[in-house]
Structure formats: structure tokens, C-alpha cells
Amino acid sequence: MKIRKASDLSGTQPSFLDHCGTILLICMSPLLLCISIHGRICLGNRIHTILLYKTRVWRSFLDRLDQPL
């Protein structure tokens, strides 16, 4: 009985689906990276906007306190 390698079990060359999966993974990786970076940027912008809004409201509130009645 011969000991066969894993590559021998699936045939001499990788199947078509294996090739497709690999190509798809290579093509999708930059896209997924881009989406994750974009998502982080969007989240950062949203947090920044909320903070900016809160500071603006807080400033206007302080301005009102400073004004004489």
C-alpha cells in the first residue's frame, strides 16, 4: 500500500472550483479591505460630527449663560 499525498487524493491538479475560489478570494480581498477602511472612516466621521454638534450646542448654551439677562 502506497502512502498518497493530499494533492494526489483530489487528482493531479486542483479542481476548477479551487481555482475559482482562490481567484475570487484574491479579487475580493482589496474590496473587503476597502469596505472595512471606508466603514471605519464613516464611523469616525459620524462620531466626529456628533462630538462637533455636542460641543456646538454646549458652546451656544455657555454663550447664553454669559449674556446678561
Protein backbone atom coordinates (compact mmCIF):
# COMPACT_ATOMS: atom_id res chain seq x y z
CA MET A 1 0.00 0.00 0.00
CA LYS A 2 1.39 3.37 -1.06
CA ILE A 3 1.01 6.45 1.11
CA ARG A 4 -0.52 9.16 -1.00
CA LYS A 5 -0.12 12.89 -0.54
CA ALA A 6 -3.18 15.12 -0.11
CA SER A 7 -2.66 16.51 -3.61
CA ASP A 8 -2.86 13.00 -5.08
CA LEU A 9 -6.25 12.36 -3.47
CA SER A 10 -8.04 15.12 -5.34
CA GLY A 11 -6.36 14.28 -8.64
CA THR A 12 -3.19 15.51 -10.28
CA GLN A 13 -4.25 19.16 -10.44
CA PRO A 14 -6.55 21.32 -8.29
CA SER A 15 -10.18 21.36 -9.34
CA PHE A 16 -11.78 24.21 -11.25
CA LEU A 17 -13.70 25.27 -8.14
CA ASP A 18 -10.47 25.55 -6.17
CA HIS A 19 -9.08 27.88 -8.81
CA CYS A 20 -12.29 29.95 -8.80
CA GLY A 21 -12.27 30.19 -5.01
CA THR A 22 -8.65 31.32 -4.96
CA ILE A 23 -9.18 33.90 -7.71
CA LEU A 24 -12.35 35.17 -6.02
CA LEU A 25 -10.53 35.46 -2.69
CA ILE A 26 -7.66 37.39 -4.30
CA CYS A 27 -10.11 39.70 -6.09
CA MET A 28 -12.31 40.24 -3.04
CA SER A 29 -9.52 40.90 -0.51
CA PRO A 30 -8.78 44.52 -1.60
CA LEU A 31 -12.51 45.20 -1.87
CA LEU A 32 -13.18 43.91 1.64
CA LEU A 33 -10.21 45.88 2.93
CA CYS A 34 -11.54 48.99 1.20
CA ILE A 35 -15.02 48.43 2.69
CA SER A 36 -13.58 47.97 6.19
CA ILE A 37 -11.43 51.11 5.88
CA HIS A 38 -14.39 53.05 4.45
CA GLY A 39 -16.57 51.77 7.29
CA ARG A 40 -14.05 52.95 9.84
CA ILE A 41 -13.83 56.34 8.16
CA CYS A 42 -17.63 56.63 8.11
CA LEU A 43 -17.84 55.67 11.77
CA GLY A 44 -15.08 58.13 12.60
CA ASN A 45 -16.87 60.90 10.71
CA ARG A 46 -20.14 60.11 12.46
CA ILE A 47 -18.52 60.22 15.89
CA HIS A 48 -16.71 63.43 14.93
CA THR A 49 -19.98 65.00 13.74
CA ILE A 50 -21.76 64.02 16.96
CA LEU A 51 -18.92 65.46 19.06
CA LEU A 52 -18.85 68.61 16.96
CA TYR A 53 -22.62 69.02 17.33
CA LYS A 54 -22.45 68.47 21.09
CA THR A 55 -19.65 71.00 21.52
CA ARG A 56 -21.57 73.49 19.37
CA VAL A 57 -24.71 73.05 21.49
CA TRP A 58 -22.63 73.29 24.66
CA ARG A 59 -20.93 76.48 23.38
CA SER A 60 -24.23 78.13 22.50
CA PHE A 61 -25.50 77.15 25.96
CA LEU A 62 -22.44 78.76 27.57
CA ASP A 63 -22.86 81.85 25.37
CA ARG A 64 -26.43 82.18 26.60
CA LEU A 65 -25.22 81.97 30.20
CA ASP A 66 -22.64 84.68 29.54
CA GLN A 67 -25.21 87.11 28.12
CA PRO A 68 -26.74 89.49 30.62
CA LEU A 69 -30.47 88.99 31.22
